[in-house]
Amino acid sequence: MICMPACSVIRLGVVDYAQAWELQKRLVAARTEGRIEDVLLLLEHPHTYTLGRSGKIEHLLMSEAERQTRGVTVHWVDRGGDITYHGPGQLVGYPIISVGSHTVHGVEPSTGRDRIPQADYVRYLRDLEEVLIRALTAFGVRGERVAGYTGVWVDGKKIAAIGVKVNAQGISSHGFALNVCTDLSYFAGIVPCGIHDRGVTSLDRLLGRPVTVDEAAQAVAASFGQVFRLEMQPEWSSSATIWLR
């Protein structure tokens, strides 16, 4: 029997974006120092727009007045990608993992010192897409990739966005957002991921029936373990307090 590395699955419920970002930073530091094993955070956010390193302010269409009325916050963050939306009914996943097999190690010939690991970002993105594609099959939905774009699509509409960061030691943060039972009207306040000519969709809209975030979380955790060859260890938490303090 092959013993696979462990990965803790932490279900946090609805968490303010800034709090979750700070938690990621703490976990990345701990994972980088080898004090914890791999972790997959699964959660939801209140209504939030985030802009990544390629974010363009002109892709934020909703006025400040309307954002205040609708309770939408805005954050500039250090992930890849442009602008996206997070909100209730959307499953957000933040893998804090050692990219492992996607990381190249070696010795710098000129100095003899250990070379800073260089993560294979593209492969990692494709792996995250595969996680979501496999999870969707549990609901009878066929997700697919679209050439030239990152994320997962169904019938030409985006159902999952991906934006990540991998530090110099090969530890990942940020991640993916899967529209489960999301209020898609909030996407009208942005140009999602900077793509003008494609729409968005959600799992419940595709199925024509209610789907819960917990259902999606179970499917995603299972497929995450398959793709990354990790032994998923659920630590489903009814309270985020112990993680966020």
Protein backbone atom coordinates (compact mmCIF):
# COMPACT_ATOMS: atom_id res chain seq x y z
CA MET A 1 0.00 0.00 0.00
CA ILE A 2 1.31 3.42 -0.97
CA CYS A 3 1.21 5.92 1.87
CA MET A 4 0.15 9.33 0.55
CA PRO A 5 1.00 12.63 2.27
CA ALA A 6 -1.76 14.07 4.45
CA CYS A 7 -3.79 17.19 3.74
CA SER A 8 -6.16 18.68 6.30
CA VAL A 9 -9.51 19.93 4.98
CA ILE A 10 -10.75 22.91 6.98
CA ARG A 11 -14.35 24.06 6.36
CA LEU A 12 -14.72 27.55 7.77
CA GLY A 13 -18.17 28.73 6.71
CA VAL A 14 -18.58 32.41 5.76
CA VAL A 15 -15.43 34.40 6.52
CA ASP A 16 -14.56 38.05 5.86
CA TYR A 17 -12.07 38.27 2.99
CA ALA A 18 -9.41 40.20 4.93
CA GLN A 19 -9.53 37.67 7.79
CA ALA A 20 -9.15 34.76 5.40
CA TRP A 21 -6.23 36.44 3.66
CA GLU A 22 -4.44 36.94 6.97
CA LEU A 23 -5.08 33.30 7.87
CA GLN A 24 -3.55 32.22 4.57
CA LYS A 25 -0.43 34.25 5.29
CA ARG A 26 -0.01 32.60 8.69
CA LEU A 27 -0.53 29.13 7.28
CA VAL A 28 1.88 29.77 4.39
CA ALA A 29 4.57 30.79 6.88
CA ALA A 30 3.93 27.68 8.96
CA ARG A 31 3.92 25.40 5.90
CA THR A 32 7.09 27.01 4.55
CA GLU A 33 8.83 26.36 7.88
CA GLY A 34 7.56 22.76 7.97
CA ARG A 35 5.46 23.29 11.10
CA ILE A 36 2.25 22.02 9.46
CA GLU A 37 1.32 19.66 6.66
CA ASP A 38 -0.68 20.62 3.58
CA VAL A 39 -4.03 22.34 4.22
CA LEU A 40 -7.07 22.97 2.05
CA LEU A 41 -9.30 25.79 3.29
CA LEU A 42 -12.90 25.64 2.04
CA LEU A 43 -15.12 28.61 2.80
CA GLU A 44 -17.43 31.35 1.56
CA HIS A 45 -17.00 35.11 1.61
CA PRO A 46 -19.44 38.00 2.03
CA HIS A 47 -19.91 40.02 -1.16
CA THR A 48 -16.40 40.92 -2.31
CA TYR A 49 -14.54 41.98 -5.45
CA THR A 50 -10.83 41.18 -5.60
CA LEU A 51 -8.28 42.39 -8.12
CA GLY A 52 -5.11 40.38 -8.67
CA ARG A 53 -1.70 41.39 -9.97
CA SER A 54 -3.14 41.86 -13.48
CA GLY A 55 -6.22 43.68 -12.22
CA LYS A 56 -7.48 46.73 -14.09
CA ILE A 57 -9.60 49.24 -12.21
CA GLU A 58 -11.69 49.88 -15.32
CA HIS A 59 -12.97 46.31 -14.99
CA LEU A 60 -14.70 47.33 -11.76
CA LEU A 61 -18.02 48.60 -13.11
CA MET A 62 -20.15 48.94 -9.96
CA SER A 63 -20.03 52.45 -8.50
CA GLU A 64 -18.81 53.07 -4.97
CA ALA A 65 -22.30 54.23 -3.99
CA GLU A 66 -23.88 51.00 -5.23
CA ARG A 67 -21.18 48.92 -3.56
CA GLN A 68 -21.96 50.60 -0.26
CA THR A 69 -25.67 49.97 -0.75
CA ARG A 70 -25.16 46.32 -1.63
CA GLY A 71 -22.46 45.69 0.97
CA VAL A 72 -19.62 44.90 -1.41
CA THR A 73 -15.98 45.32 -0.37
CA VAL A 74 -12.99 45.63 -2.73
CA HIS A 75 -9.49 44.22 -2.18
CA TRP A 76 -6.29 44.41 -4.21
CA VAL A 77 -4.45 41.14 -3.61
CA ASP A 78 -1.22 39.37 -4.55
CA ARG A 79 -2.64 36.48 -6.58
CA GLY A 80 -2.44 36.16 -10.32
CA GLY A 81 -5.28 37.27 -12.56
CA ASP A 82 -7.64 40.20 -12.97
CA ILE A 83 -10.90 40.93 -11.12
CA THR A 84 -13.38 38.41 -9.75
CA TYR A 85 -16.35 38.20 -7.40
CA HIS A 86 -16.74 36.23 -4.17
CA GLY A 87 -19.98 35.87 -2.28
CA PRO A 88 -22.38 33.60 -0.40
CA GLY A 89 -23.22 30.43 -2.27
CA GLN A 90 -19.78 30.25 -3.86
CA LEU A 91 -17.30 27.62 -2.70
CA VAL A 92 -13.85 29.18 -2.31
CA GLY A 93 -10.82 26.95 -1.92
CA TYR A 94 -7.41 28.07 -0.68
CA PRO A 95 -4.80 25.27 -0.93
CA ILE A 96 -1.82 25.89 1.32
CA ILE A 97 0.28 23.09 -0.09
CA SER A 98 3.79 22.29 -1.18
CA VAL A 99 3.50 22.18 -4.93
CA GLY A 100 5.90 19.26 -4.63
CA SER A 101 6.29 17.42 -7.90
CA HIS A 102 5.72 20.68 -9.78
CA THR A 103 8.75 22.26 -8.10
CA VAL A 104 12.26 22.08 -9.55
CA HIS A 105 15.10 21.81 -7.05
CA GLY A 106 18.79 22.03 -7.76
CA VAL A 107 22.09 23.68 -7.00
CA GLU A 108 23.15 26.94 -8.59
CA PRO A 109 26.34 26.01 -10.49
CA SER A 110 28.03 29.37 -10.03
CA THR A 111 27.70 29.45 -6.24
CA GLY A 112 27.02 25.89 -5.15
CA ARG A 113 24.09 27.18 -3.08
CA ASP A 114 20.64 25.69 -3.15
CA ARG A 115 18.64 27.23 -5.94
CA ILE A 116 15.35 28.85 -4.95
CA PRO A 117 12.64 26.40 -6.07
CA GLN A 118 10.72 27.50 -9.18
CA ALA A 119 7.12 26.31 -9.13
CA ASP A 120 5.55 25.11 -12.34
CA TYR A 121 2.65 27.57 -12.22
CA VAL A 122 1.01 26.46 -15.43
CA ARG A 123 0.93 22.80 -14.39
CA TYR A 124 -0.47 23.79 -11.00
CA LEU A 125 -3.25 25.81 -12.64
CA ARG A 126 -4.13 22.89 -14.90
CA ASP A 127 -4.24 20.61 -11.85
CA LEU A 128 -6.66 22.94 -10.06
CA GLU A 129 -8.84 22.96 -13.16
CA GLU A 130 -8.79 19.17 -13.13
CA VAL A 131 -9.90 19.15 -9.48
CA LEU A 132 -12.96 21.23 -10.36
CA ILE A 133 -13.74 19.32 -13.55
CA ARG A 134 -13.75 16.05 -11.62
CA ALA A 135 -15.88 17.55 -8.84
CA LEU A 136 -18.47 18.69 -11.38
CA THR A 137 -18.79 15.16 -12.76
CA ALA A 138 -20.18 14.12 -9.36
CA PHE A 139 -23.21 16.25 -10.27
CA GLY A 140 -23.41 15.05 -13.85
CA VAL A 141 -21.97 18.31 -15.20
CA ARG A 142 -19.25 18.32 -17.85
CA GLY A 143 -16.75 21.06 -17.14
CA GLU A 144 -14.09 21.99 -19.65
CA ARG A 145 -11.09 24.17 -20.29
CA VAL A 146 -11.06 26.99 -22.84
CA ALA A 147 -7.84 27.61 -24.73
CA GLY A 148 -6.12 30.82 -23.70
CA TYR A 149 -8.02 31.18 -20.42
CA THR A 150 -7.63 29.86 -16.88
CA GLY A 151 -10.66 28.40 -15.09
CA VAL A 152 -13.46 25.94 -15.76
CA TRP A 153 -16.33 26.46 -18.18
CA VAL A 154 -19.65 24.83 -19.02
CA ASP A 155 -21.29 25.52 -22.38
CA GLY A 156 -19.05 28.54 -22.91
CA LYS A 157 -19.83 30.14 -19.53
CA LYS A 158 -17.44 30.31 -16.62
CA ILE A 159 -18.38 28.31 -13.54
CA ALA A 160 -15.05 28.49 -11.68
CA ALA A 161 -12.29 31.08 -11.50
CA ILE A 162 -8.70 30.41 -10.47
CA GLY A 163 -6.00 32.80 -9.26
CA VAL A 164 -2.99 31.68 -7.25
CA LYS A 165 0.28 32.64 -5.70
CA VAL A 166 3.24 30.30 -5.13
CA ASN A 167 6.09 31.58 -2.99
CA ALA A 168 9.81 31.05 -3.56
CA GLN A 169 9.72 27.87 -1.49
CA GLY A 170 6.93 26.37 -3.62
CA ILE A 171 4.07 26.90 -1.13
CA SER A 172 0.75 27.93 -2.66
CA SER A 173 -1.96 30.33 -1.51
CA HIS A 174 -5.15 31.85 -2.92
CA GLY A 175 -6.88 29.35 -5.19
CA PHE A 176 -10.28 28.82 -6.80
CA ALA A 177 -13.92 29.90 -6.59
CA LEU A 178 -16.73 27.59 -7.76
CA ASN A 179 -20.19 29.07 -8.33
CA VAL A 180 -22.59 26.71 -6.58
CA CYS A 181 -25.75 28.61 -5.64
CA THR A 182 -24.28 32.07 -6.16
CA ASP A 183 -26.24 35.27 -6.84
CA LEU A 184 -24.82 35.82 -10.32
CA SER A 185 -26.16 39.37 -10.53
CA TYR A 186 -23.04 40.59 -8.70
CA PHE A 187 -20.91 39.58 -11.70
CA ALA A 188 -22.63 42.38 -13.63
CA GLY A 189 -20.66 44.81 -11.46
CA ILE A 190 -17.34 43.73 -13.00
CA VAL A 191 -15.78 42.41 -16.18
CA PRO A 192 -15.18 38.92 -14.77
CA CYS A 193 -11.49 38.04 -15.04
CA GLY A 194 -11.21 40.84 -17.60
CA ILE A 195 -13.07 38.76 -20.21
CA HIS A 196 -15.68 40.84 -22.02
CA ASP A 197 -17.40 38.30 -24.25
CA ARG A 198 -18.21 35.33 -22.00
CA GLY A 199 -20.81 34.93 -19.28
CA VAL A 200 -20.87 33.11 -15.95
CA THR A 201 -23.00 30.30 -14.62
CA SER A 202 -23.53 28.26 -11.45
CA LEU A 203 -24.14 24.67 -10.50
CA ASP A 204 -27.71 25.16 -9.34
CA ARG A 205 -28.58 27.06 -12.53
CA LEU A 206 -27.20 24.25 -14.68
CA LEU A 207 -28.99 21.53 -12.72
CA GLY A 208 -32.25 23.43 -12.26
CA ARG A 209 -32.39 22.42 -8.61
CA PRO A 210 -30.93 23.58 -5.29
CA VAL A 211 -27.35 22.57 -4.54
CA THR A 212 -25.61 23.39 -1.27
CA VAL A 213 -22.05 24.59 -0.80
CA ASP A 214 -21.48 21.65 1.57
CA GLU A 215 -22.37 19.20 -1.20
CA ALA A 216 -19.89 20.86 -3.52
CA ALA A 217 -17.23 20.97 -0.79
CA GLN A 218 -17.39 17.21 -0.30
CA ALA A 219 -16.95 16.61 -4.02
CA VAL A 220 -14.10 19.12 -4.33
CA ALA A 221 -12.20 17.71 -1.33
CA ALA A 222 -12.41 14.20 -2.78
CA SER A 223 -11.21 15.24 -6.24
CA PHE A 224 -8.44 17.40 -4.73
CA GLY A 225 -7.03 14.32 -3.03
CA GLN A 226 -7.20 12.34 -6.27
CA VAL A 227 -5.45 14.94 -8.41
CA PHE A 228 -2.71 15.88 -5.94
CA ARG A 229 -2.36 12.35 -4.54
CA LEU A 230 -3.01 13.45 -0.99
CA GLU A 231 -4.78 11.69 1.86
CA MET A 232 -7.54 14.15 2.70
CA GLN A 233 -8.24 14.42 6.42
CA PRO A 234 -11.48 16.32 7.08
CA GLU A 235 -11.45 18.68 10.03
CA TRP A 236 -14.86 20.19 9.29
CA SER A 237 -15.10 23.03 11.79
CA SER A 238 -18.44 24.42 12.96
CA SER A 239 -16.62 27.55 14.09
CA ALA A 240 -13.85 29.51 12.42
CA THR A 241 -12.77 30.99 15.74
CA ILE A 242 -9.81 28.67 16.41
CA TRP A 243 -8.41 29.35 12.96
CA LEU A 244 -9.02 33.07 12.70
CA ARG A 245 -7.88 34.25 16.13
